[in-house]
Amino acid sequence: MSAISRPIRVLIAKPGLDGHDRGALVVARALRDAGMEVIYTGLRQSPAQIAQAAVQEDVDVVGLSSLSGAHRTLFPAVVEALRAAGAPEVLVIGGGVIPAEDIPALRSAGIAAVFTPGTPTAEIVAFLSGEVGAKR
């Protein structure tokens, strides 16, 4: 299967010590139901572990979820870990309980989009389809 016709591959990860993954699982299921291949890393992953899994799984997208308030540190650390692992082209998105005033700093740090509670999953699917489609 060529890169153009293969499904979008998404790694969903929970960086840091946050132990709540309901939202991440809802998004993972919605992406899967939309025809994407989804890999879920589980809870309490370090940025390096997330980057390593993204490279090993050859993903197009890393989706990060945070409810713990550590997103300003952990999300940019994942972007840096991906660069260090030789995968700067991987699209990184974030979601969770993230104050609106933190979103510009996350975007400046390389997070392509931030989806907060209440975002329709169809919006996330459409965003990923458009972004990954444009890269291919």
C-alpha atoms as a PDB file:
ATOM      1  CA  MET A   1       0.000   0.000   0.000  1.00  0.00           C
ATOM      2  CA  SER A   2       1.448   3.385  -0.902  1.00  0.00           C
ATOM      3  CA  ALA A   3       1.832   6.231   1.576  1.00  0.00           C
ATOM      4  CA  ILE A   4      -0.885   8.100  -0.277  1.00  0.00           C
ATOM      5  CA  SER A   5      -3.513   5.397   0.097  1.00  0.00           C
ATOM      6  CA  ARG A   6      -2.645   4.096   3.547  1.00  0.00           C
ATOM      7  CA  PRO A   7      -4.837   5.187   6.441  1.00  0.00           C
ATOM      8  CA  ILE A   8      -3.699   8.062   8.608  1.00  0.00           C
ATOM      9  CA  ARG A   9      -1.758   6.620  11.560  1.00  0.00           C
ATOM     10  CA  VAL A  10      -2.260   8.369  14.900  1.00  0.00           C
ATOM     11  CA  LEU A  11      -0.515   7.762  18.207  1.00  0.00           C
ATOM     12  CA  ILE A  12      -2.598   8.867  21.202  1.00  0.00           C
ATOM     13  CA  ALA A  13      -0.522   9.473  24.311  1.00  0.00           C
ATOM     14  CA  LYS A  14      -0.929  10.618  27.904  1.00  0.00           C
ATOM     15  CA  PRO A  15       2.314  12.351  28.890  1.00  0.00           C
ATOM     16  CA  GLY A  16       3.303  12.824  32.486  1.00  0.00           C
ATOM     17  CA  LEU A  17       1.562  11.635  35.607  1.00  0.00           C
ATOM     18  CA  ASP A  18      -2.017  12.333  34.510  1.00  0.00           C
ATOM     19  CA  GLY A  19      -4.052   9.207  35.199  1.00  0.00           C
ATOM     20  CA  HIS A  20      -7.322  10.140  33.501  1.00  0.00           C
ATOM     21  CA  ASP A  21      -7.743   8.867  29.948  1.00  0.00           C
ATOM     22  CA  ARG A  22     -11.471   8.865  29.202  1.00  0.00           C
ATOM     23  CA  GLY A  23     -11.219  11.800  26.769  1.00  0.00           C
ATOM     24  CA  ALA A  24      -8.198  10.286  25.029  1.00  0.00           C
ATOM     25  CA  LEU A  25     -10.067   7.014  24.596  1.00  0.00           C
ATOM     26  CA  VAL A  26     -13.131   8.783  23.169  1.00  0.00           C
ATOM     27  CA  VAL A  27     -10.946  10.594  20.625  1.00  0.00           C
ATOM     28  CA  ALA A  28      -9.059   7.380  19.803  1.00  0.00           C
ATOM     29  CA  ARG A  29     -12.317   5.565  19.097  1.00  0.00           C
ATOM     30  CA  ALA A  30     -13.660   8.412  16.946  1.00  0.00           C
ATOM     31  CA  LEU A  31     -10.470   8.459  14.868  1.00  0.00           C
ATOM     32  CA  ARG A  32     -10.586   4.687  14.475  1.00  0.00           C
ATOM     33  CA  ASP A  33     -14.241   4.844  13.458  1.00  0.00           C
ATOM     34  CA  ALA A  34     -13.264   7.437  10.832  1.00  0.00           C
ATOM     35  CA  GLY A  35     -10.864   4.918   9.269  1.00  0.00           C
ATOM     36  CA  MET A  36      -7.621   5.989  10.878  1.00  0.00           C
ATOM     37  CA  GLU A  37      -5.180   3.548  12.460  1.00  0.00           C
ATOM     38  CA  VAL A  38      -4.837   4.432  16.142  1.00  0.00           C
ATOM     39  CA  ILE A  39      -2.175   3.339  18.595  1.00  0.00           C
ATOM     40  CA  TYR A  40      -2.718   4.160  22.266  1.00  0.00           C
ATOM     41  CA  THR A  41       0.389   4.255  24.454  1.00  0.00           C
ATOM     42  CA  GLY A  42      -1.401   4.107  27.776  1.00  0.00           C
ATOM     43  CA  LEU A  43      -0.941   6.283  30.826  1.00  0.00           C
ATOM     44  CA  ARG A  44       2.099   8.002  32.276  1.00  0.00           C
ATOM     45  CA  GLN A  45       4.415   8.183  29.272  1.00  0.00           C
ATOM     46  CA  SER A  46       7.531  10.347  29.103  1.00  0.00           C
ATOM     47  CA  PRO A  47       8.103  12.603  26.089  1.00  0.00           C
ATOM     48  CA  ALA A  48      10.988  10.334  25.028  1.00  0.00           C
ATOM     49  CA  GLN A  49       8.790   7.222  25.244  1.00  0.00           C
ATOM     50  CA  ILE A  50       6.102   8.930  23.164  1.00  0.00           C
ATOM     51  CA  ALA A  51       8.609  10.000  20.496  1.00  0.00           C
ATOM     52  CA  GLN A  52      10.145   6.530  20.387  1.00  0.00           C
ATOM     53  CA  ALA A  53       6.709   4.923  19.949  1.00  0.00           C
ATOM     54  CA  ALA A  54       5.809   7.439  17.224  1.00  0.00           C
ATOM     55  CA  VAL A  55       8.961   6.583  15.268  1.00  0.00           C
ATOM     56  CA  GLN A  56       8.538   2.827  15.760  1.00  0.00           C
ATOM     57  CA  GLU A  57       4.904   2.961  14.668  1.00  0.00           C
ATOM     58  CA  ASP A  58       5.618   5.295  11.706  1.00  0.00           C
ATOM     59  CA  VAL A  59       2.753   7.604  12.624  1.00  0.00           C
ATOM     60  CA  ASP A  60       1.572  10.712  10.854  1.00  0.00           C
ATOM     61  CA  VAL A  61       0.180  12.320  14.001  1.00  0.00           C
ATOM     62  CA  VAL A  62       0.786  12.323  17.739  1.00  0.00           C
ATOM     63  CA  GLY A  63      -2.235  13.317  19.802  1.00  0.00           C
ATOM     64  CA  LEU A  64      -1.454  14.364  23.361  1.00  0.00           C
ATOM     65  CA  SER A  65      -3.989  14.554  26.155  1.00  0.00           C
ATOM     66  CA  SER A  66      -3.503  16.365  29.433  1.00  0.00           C
ATOM     67  CA  LEU A  67      -5.768  17.098  32.341  1.00  0.00           C
ATOM     68  CA  SER A  68      -3.013  17.643  34.895  1.00  0.00           C
ATOM     69  CA  GLY A  69      -1.953  21.182  34.021  1.00  0.00           C
ATOM     70  CA  ALA A  70       1.509  20.107  32.825  1.00  0.00           C
ATOM     71  CA  HIS A  71       0.734  20.689  29.130  1.00  0.00           C
ATOM     72  CA  ARG A  72       2.955  23.797  28.869  1.00  0.00           C
ATOM     73  CA  THR A  73       5.970  21.673  29.760  1.00  0.00           C
ATOM     74  CA  LEU A  74       5.101  18.241  28.414  1.00  0.00           C
ATOM     75  CA  PHE A  75       3.621  19.071  25.005  1.00  0.00           C
ATOM     76  CA  PRO A  76       6.658  21.100  23.836  1.00  0.00           C
ATOM     77  CA  ALA A  77       8.932  18.387  25.266  1.00  0.00           C
ATOM     78  CA  VAL A  78       7.255  15.837  22.980  1.00  0.00           C
ATOM     79  CA  VAL A  79       7.820  18.102  19.963  1.00  0.00           C
ATOM     80  CA  GLU A  80      11.500  18.393  20.922  1.00  0.00           C
ATOM     81  CA  ALA A  81      11.791  14.621  21.491  1.00  0.00           C
ATOM     82  CA  LEU A  82      10.334  13.983  18.023  1.00  0.00           C
ATOM     83  CA  ARG A  83      12.878  16.361  16.490  1.00  0.00           C
ATOM     84  CA  ALA A  84      15.683  14.641  18.393  1.00  0.00           C
ATOM     85  CA  ALA A  85      14.409  11.257  17.184  1.00  0.00           C
ATOM     86  CA  GLY A  86      14.562  12.412  13.567  1.00  0.00           C
ATOM     87  CA  ALA A  87      10.804  12.781  13.130  1.00  0.00           C
ATOM     88  CA  PRO A  88      10.142  16.537  12.964  1.00  0.00           C
ATOM     89  CA  GLU A  89       7.487  15.999  10.279  1.00  0.00           C
ATOM     90  CA  VAL A  90       5.094  14.248  12.675  1.00  0.00           C
ATOM     91  CA  LEU A  91       2.088  16.469  13.307  1.00  0.00           C
ATOM     92  CA  VAL A  92       1.477  17.021  17.029  1.00  0.00           C
ATOM     93  CA  ILE A  93      -1.924  17.993  18.385  1.00  0.00           C
ATOM     94  CA  GLY A  94      -3.066  18.441  21.957  1.00  0.00           C
ATOM     95  CA  GLY A  95      -6.242  18.212  23.919  1.00  0.00           C
ATOM     96  CA  GLY A  96      -7.665  18.202  27.385  1.00  0.00           C
ATOM     97  CA  VAL A  97      -8.345  20.805  30.010  1.00  0.00           C
ATOM     98  CA  ILE A  98      -6.163  23.564  28.620  1.00  0.00           C
ATOM     99  CA  PRO A  99      -6.824  27.235  29.378  1.00  0.00           C
ATOM    100  CA  ALA A 100      -7.360  29.399  26.311  1.00  0.00           C
ATOM    101  CA  GLU A 101      -4.506  31.680  27.383  1.00  0.00           C
ATOM    102  CA  ASP A 102      -2.056  28.738  27.115  1.00  0.00           C
ATOM    103  CA  ILE A 103      -2.947  27.846  23.532  1.00  0.00           C
ATOM    104  CA  PRO A 104      -0.817  30.533  21.768  1.00  0.00           C
ATOM    105  CA  ALA A 105       2.322  29.369  23.626  1.00  0.00           C
ATOM    106  CA  LEU A 106       1.588  25.752  22.718  1.00  0.00           C
ATOM    107  CA  ARG A 107       1.072  26.686  19.067  1.00  0.00           C
ATOM    108  CA  SER A 108       4.380  28.600  19.103  1.00  0.00           C
ATOM    109  CA  ALA A 109       6.055  25.491  20.537  1.00  0.00           C
ATOM    110  CA  GLY A 110       4.961  23.387  17.569  1.00  0.00           C
ATOM    111  CA  ILE A 111       1.558  22.062  18.596  1.00  0.00           C
ATOM    112  CA  ALA A 112      -0.507  22.211  15.384  1.00  0.00           C
ATOM    113  CA  ALA A 113      -3.884  22.445  17.126  1.00  0.00           C
ATOM    114  CA  VAL A 114      -5.410  22.260  20.580  1.00  0.00           C
ATOM    115  CA  PHE A 115      -8.829  20.707  21.115  1.00  0.00           C
ATOM    116  CA  THR A 116     -10.542  21.469  24.403  1.00  0.00           C
ATOM    117  CA  PRO A 117     -13.472  19.708  26.096  1.00  0.00           C
ATOM    118  CA  GLY A 118     -16.636  19.870  24.041  1.00  0.00           C
ATOM    119  CA  THR A 119     -14.888  19.872  20.669  1.00  0.00           C
ATOM    120  CA  PRO A 120     -16.891  17.639  18.328  1.00  0.00           C
ATOM    121  CA  THR A 121     -14.809  14.618  17.352  1.00  0.00           C
ATOM    122  CA  ALA A 122     -15.789  15.272  13.724  1.00  0.00           C
ATOM    123  CA  GLU A 123     -13.807  18.524  13.957  1.00  0.00           C
ATOM    124  CA  ILE A 124     -10.693  16.614  15.030  1.00  0.00           C
ATOM    125  CA  VAL A 125     -11.178  14.068  12.235  1.00  0.00           C
ATOM    126  CA  ALA A 126     -11.600  16.842   9.662  1.00  0.00           C
ATOM    127  CA  PHE A 127      -8.519  18.684  10.909  1.00  0.00           C
ATOM    128  CA  LEU A 128      -6.309  15.606  10.761  1.00  0.00           C
ATOM    129  CA  SER A 129      -7.651  14.564   7.363  1.00  0.00           C
ATOM    130  CA  GLY A 130      -6.935  18.007   5.959  1.00  0.00           C
ATOM    131  CA  GLU A 131      -3.483  18.424   7.494  1.00  0.00           C
ATOM    132  CA  VAL A 132      -2.177  14.954   6.706  1.00  0.00           C
ATOM    133  CA  GLY A 133      -3.789  15.000   3.250  1.00  0.00           C
ATOM    134  CA  ALA A 134      -2.010  18.272   2.465  1.00  0.00           C
ATOM    135  CA  LYS A 135       1.360  16.740   3.470  1.00  0.00           C
ATOM    136  CA  ARG A 136       0.862  13.700   1.279  1.00  0.00           C
END
